[in-house]
Amino acid sequence: MNCDRVIVINHKFPLKPKQLFLFILLVLIGGGSFAQKKNGVVSGRVLDENEKPLTGVSIMILGRSSGVMSSDSGTFRMTVPADRAFGIILSFLGYKTEQRNFLINENEEEQIVVRMERGSREMETVVVTDQRQRRE
């Protein structure tokens, strides 16, 4: 048997190149708008009771595992969910934990100043001992 035949399939694409380009462009532009989440921004400054900035304060959105820390000047900025109520928790070792609740509209920015109070936070006591024995 000899298999020297070539089969040619003539298939016409239903869209012309210009129409195809416009179709792809519309899909990309239209699809991107559905993927965007509605967000707002909370920014501010964290101070102690003497109005000095606190560096390294942990600021978390309630119920989420991500957050930000305050800078050397005590400032912070974070993206938050818009159009629904949420809370943020501010915590720093040696200070009382603060909670603030918000409702921010889409593309809105809320600026706050938080004054944290010193608190007593007991830490677990650890005793370390060392012993040297002589061998004879």
C-alpha atoms as a PDB file:
ATOM      1  CA  MET A   1       0.000   0.000   0.000  1.00  0.00           C
ATOM      2  CA  ASN A   2       1.119   3.435  -0.832  1.00  0.00           C
ATOM      3  CA  CYS A   3       0.016   6.344   1.392  1.00  0.00           C
ATOM      4  CA  ASP A   4       1.126   9.350  -0.594  1.00  0.00           C
ATOM      5  CA  ARG A   5      -2.144  11.232  -0.444  1.00  0.00           C
ATOM      6  CA  VAL A   6      -2.365  14.617   1.239  1.00  0.00           C
ATOM      7  CA  ILE A   7      -5.683  15.758   2.584  1.00  0.00           C
ATOM      8  CA  VAL A   8      -6.324  19.504   2.514  1.00  0.00           C
ATOM      9  CA  ILE A   9      -9.106  20.921   4.622  1.00  0.00           C
ATOM     10  CA  ASN A  10     -10.347  24.287   3.487  1.00  0.00           C
ATOM     11  CA  HIS A  11     -11.997  25.882   6.507  1.00  0.00           C
ATOM     12  CA  LYS A  12     -13.027  29.503   6.485  1.00  0.00           C
ATOM     13  CA  PHE A  13     -12.942  31.388   9.776  1.00  0.00           C
ATOM     14  CA  PRO A  14     -16.291  33.149  10.338  1.00  0.00           C
ATOM     15  CA  LEU A  15     -14.714  36.489  11.358  1.00  0.00           C
ATOM     16  CA  LYS A  16     -12.498  38.716   9.285  1.00  0.00           C
ATOM     17  CA  PRO A  17      -9.229  39.843  10.944  1.00  0.00           C
ATOM     18  CA  LYS A  18     -10.596  43.308  11.751  1.00  0.00           C
ATOM     19  CA  GLN A  19     -13.759  41.837  13.286  1.00  0.00           C
ATOM     20  CA  LEU A  20     -11.704  39.315  15.275  1.00  0.00           C
ATOM     21  CA  PHE A  21      -9.507  42.101  16.678  1.00  0.00           C
ATOM     22  CA  LEU A  22     -12.541  44.131  17.784  1.00  0.00           C
ATOM     23  CA  PHE A  23     -14.147  41.053  19.357  1.00  0.00           C
ATOM     24  CA  ILE A  24     -11.017  40.227  21.394  1.00  0.00           C
ATOM     25  CA  LEU A  25     -10.637  43.863  22.439  1.00  0.00           C
ATOM     26  CA  LEU A  26     -14.230  44.029  23.698  1.00  0.00           C
ATOM     27  CA  VAL A  27     -13.856  40.764  25.626  1.00  0.00           C
ATOM     28  CA  LEU A  28     -10.687  41.991  27.338  1.00  0.00           C
ATOM     29  CA  ILE A  29     -12.121  45.395  28.251  1.00  0.00           C
ATOM     30  CA  GLY A  30     -15.498  44.062  29.354  1.00  0.00           C
ATOM     31  CA  GLY A  31     -14.087  41.101  31.282  1.00  0.00           C
ATOM     32  CA  GLY A  32     -11.733  43.291  33.292  1.00  0.00           C
ATOM     33  CA  SER A  33     -14.548  45.358  34.748  1.00  0.00           C
ATOM     34  CA  PHE A  34     -16.177  42.286  36.302  1.00  0.00           C
ATOM     35  CA  ALA A  35     -12.928  41.215  37.980  1.00  0.00           C
ATOM     36  CA  GLN A  36     -12.379  44.513  39.819  1.00  0.00           C
ATOM     37  CA  LYS A  37     -13.201  44.490  43.510  1.00  0.00           C
ATOM     38  CA  LYS A  38     -14.706  47.494  45.215  1.00  0.00           C
ATOM     39  CA  ASN A  39     -12.126  48.948  47.587  1.00  0.00           C
ATOM     40  CA  GLY A  40     -11.560  51.925  49.811  1.00  0.00           C
ATOM     41  CA  VAL A  41      -8.567  53.117  51.834  1.00  0.00           C
ATOM     42  CA  VAL A  42      -7.966  53.637  55.548  1.00  0.00           C
ATOM     43  CA  SER A  43      -4.900  55.680  56.407  1.00  0.00           C
ATOM     44  CA  GLY A  44      -3.766  57.404  59.529  1.00  0.00           C
ATOM     45  CA  ARG A  45      -1.312  57.830  62.321  1.00  0.00           C
ATOM     46  CA  VAL A  46      -0.747  55.896  65.552  1.00  0.00           C
ATOM     47  CA  LEU A  47       0.423  57.864  68.603  1.00  0.00           C
ATOM     48  CA  ASP A  48       1.066  57.097  72.259  1.00  0.00           C
ATOM     49  CA  GLU A  49      -0.521  59.067  75.104  1.00  0.00           C
ATOM     50  CA  ASN A  50       2.311  61.663  74.840  1.00  0.00           C
ATOM     51  CA  GLU A  51       1.513  62.298  71.138  1.00  0.00           C
ATOM     52  CA  LYS A  52       4.709  60.506  70.014  1.00  0.00           C
ATOM     53  CA  PRO A  53       4.447  58.225  66.953  1.00  0.00           C
ATOM     54  CA  LEU A  54       4.473  54.470  67.551  1.00  0.00           C
ATOM     55  CA  THR A  55       6.567  52.436  65.116  1.00  0.00           C
ATOM     56  CA  GLY A  56       5.667  48.831  64.272  1.00  0.00           C
ATOM     57  CA  VAL A  57       2.030  48.802  65.400  1.00  0.00           C
ATOM     58  CA  SER A  58       0.204  45.856  63.812  1.00  0.00           C
ATOM     59  CA  ILE A  59      -2.981  46.916  61.965  1.00  0.00           C
ATOM     60  CA  MET A  60      -5.201  44.029  60.799  1.00  0.00           C
ATOM     61  CA  ILE A  61      -8.627  43.821  59.160  1.00  0.00           C
ATOM     62  CA  LEU A  62     -10.913  41.847  61.456  1.00  0.00           C
ATOM     63  CA  GLY A  63     -11.348  38.283  60.167  1.00  0.00           C
ATOM     64  CA  ARG A  64      -8.439  38.400  57.720  1.00  0.00           C
ATOM     65  CA  SER A  65      -4.859  37.233  58.027  1.00  0.00           C
ATOM     66  CA  SER A  66      -3.200  40.136  56.213  1.00  0.00           C
ATOM     67  CA  GLY A  67      -2.442  43.592  57.512  1.00  0.00           C
ATOM     68  CA  VAL A  68       0.124  46.390  57.673  1.00  0.00           C
ATOM     69  CA  MET A  69       2.501  47.903  60.237  1.00  0.00           C
ATOM     70  CA  SER A  70       2.934  51.549  61.126  1.00  0.00           C
ATOM     71  CA  SER A  71       6.042  53.281  59.773  1.00  0.00           C
ATOM     72  CA  ASP A  72       8.765  55.143  61.687  1.00  0.00           C
ATOM     73  CA  SER A  73       6.524  58.216  61.725  1.00  0.00           C
ATOM     74  CA  GLY A  74       3.570  56.155  63.005  1.00  0.00           C
ATOM     75  CA  THR A  75       1.681  56.365  59.708  1.00  0.00           C
ATOM     76  CA  PHE A  76      -0.084  53.553  57.866  1.00  0.00           C
ATOM     77  CA  ARG A  77      -2.202  53.052  54.753  1.00  0.00           C
ATOM     78  CA  MET A  78      -4.233  49.984  53.818  1.00  0.00           C
ATOM     79  CA  THR A  79      -6.755  48.936  51.182  1.00  0.00           C
ATOM     80  CA  VAL A  80     -10.043  47.780  52.692  1.00  0.00           C
ATOM     81  CA  PRO A  81     -13.312  46.323  51.370  1.00  0.00           C
ATOM     82  CA  ALA A  82     -15.805  49.004  50.321  1.00  0.00           C
ATOM     83  CA  ASP A  83     -19.573  49.217  50.720  1.00  0.00           C
ATOM     84  CA  ARG A  84     -19.738  46.938  53.769  1.00  0.00           C
ATOM     85  CA  ALA A  85     -18.986  47.254  57.465  1.00  0.00           C
ATOM     86  CA  PHE A  86     -15.612  46.010  58.730  1.00  0.00           C
ATOM     87  CA  GLY A  87     -13.297  46.515  61.668  1.00  0.00           C
ATOM     88  CA  ILE A  88      -9.570  46.985  62.133  1.00  0.00           C
ATOM     89  CA  ILE A  89      -7.522  45.920  65.140  1.00  0.00           C
ATOM     90  CA  LEU A  90      -4.426  47.848  66.228  1.00  0.00           C
ATOM     91  CA  SER A  91      -2.058  46.044  68.586  1.00  0.00           C
ATOM     92  CA  PHE A  92       1.368  46.777  70.011  1.00  0.00           C
ATOM     93  CA  LEU A  93       3.270  45.088  72.831  1.00  0.00           C
ATOM     94  CA  GLY A  94       2.808  46.969  76.097  1.00  0.00           C
ATOM     95  CA  TYR A  95      -0.297  48.838  74.883  1.00  0.00           C
ATOM     96  CA  LYS A  96      -4.019  48.132  75.010  1.00  0.00           C
ATOM     97  CA  THR A  97      -5.437  46.694  71.788  1.00  0.00           C
ATOM     98  CA  GLU A  98      -7.711  49.121  69.916  1.00  0.00           C
ATOM     99  CA  GLN A  99     -10.583  48.272  67.573  1.00  0.00           C
ATOM    100  CA  ARG A 100     -12.199  50.696  65.116  1.00  0.00           C
ATOM    101  CA  ASN A 101     -15.244  49.982  62.936  1.00  0.00           C
ATOM    102  CA  PHE A 102     -15.889  51.529  59.512  1.00  0.00           C
ATOM    103  CA  LEU A 103     -18.193  51.679  56.535  1.00  0.00           C
ATOM    104  CA  ILE A 104     -16.311  53.114  53.559  1.00  0.00           C
ATOM    105  CA  ASN A 105     -17.727  53.761  50.098  1.00  0.00           C
ATOM    106  CA  GLU A 106     -15.959  52.697  46.921  1.00  0.00           C
ATOM    107  CA  ASN A 107     -12.809  54.764  46.158  1.00  0.00           C
ATOM    108  CA  GLU A 108     -13.226  56.688  49.433  1.00  0.00           C
ATOM    109  CA  GLU A 109     -10.366  57.323  51.886  1.00  0.00           C
ATOM    110  CA  GLU A 110     -10.864  57.570  55.641  1.00  0.00           C
ATOM    111  CA  GLN A 111      -8.088  59.207  57.683  1.00  0.00           C
ATOM    112  CA  ILE A 112      -7.828  58.472  61.392  1.00  0.00           C
ATOM    113  CA  VAL A 113      -5.591  59.247  64.355  1.00  0.00           C
ATOM    114  CA  VAL A 114      -5.349  56.541  67.016  1.00  0.00           C
ATOM    115  CA  ARG A 115      -3.950  57.279  70.472  1.00  0.00           C
ATOM    116  CA  MET A 116      -2.960  54.041  72.172  1.00  0.00           C
ATOM    117  CA  GLU A 117      -2.885  53.697  75.950  1.00  0.00           C
ATOM    118  CA  ARG A 118      -0.280  51.777  77.874  1.00  0.00           C
ATOM    119  CA  GLY A 119      -1.570  48.534  79.259  1.00  0.00           C
ATOM    120  CA  SER A 120      -0.220  45.841  81.485  1.00  0.00           C
ATOM    121  CA  ARG A 121       0.318  42.679  79.580  1.00  0.00           C
ATOM    122  CA  GLU A 122       1.794  39.883  81.603  1.00  0.00           C
ATOM    123  CA  MET A 123       4.176  37.646  79.845  1.00  0.00           C
ATOM    124  CA  GLU A 124       4.846  34.055  80.715  1.00  0.00           C
ATOM    125  CA  THR A 125       7.725  33.647  83.146  1.00  0.00           C
ATOM    126  CA  VAL A 126      10.590  31.494  81.973  1.00  0.00           C
ATOM    127  CA  VAL A 127      13.265  30.213  84.353  1.00  0.00           C
ATOM    128  CA  VAL A 128      16.604  29.182  82.875  1.00  0.00           C
ATOM    129  CA  THR A 129      19.117  27.252  84.972  1.00  0.00           C
ATOM    130  CA  ASP A 130      22.570  25.976  84.200  1.00  0.00           C
ATOM    131  CA  GLN A 131      24.569  23.351  86.014  1.00  0.00           C
ATOM    132  CA  ARG A 132      28.102  22.143  85.553  1.00  0.00           C
ATOM    133  CA  GLN A 133      29.294  18.811  86.905  1.00  0.00           C
ATOM    134  CA  ARG A 134      32.892  17.763  87.336  1.00  0.00           C
ATOM    135  CA  ARG A 135      33.913  14.304  86.302  1.00  0.00           C
ATOM    136  CA  GLU A 136      36.652  12.541  88.173  1.00  0.00           C
END
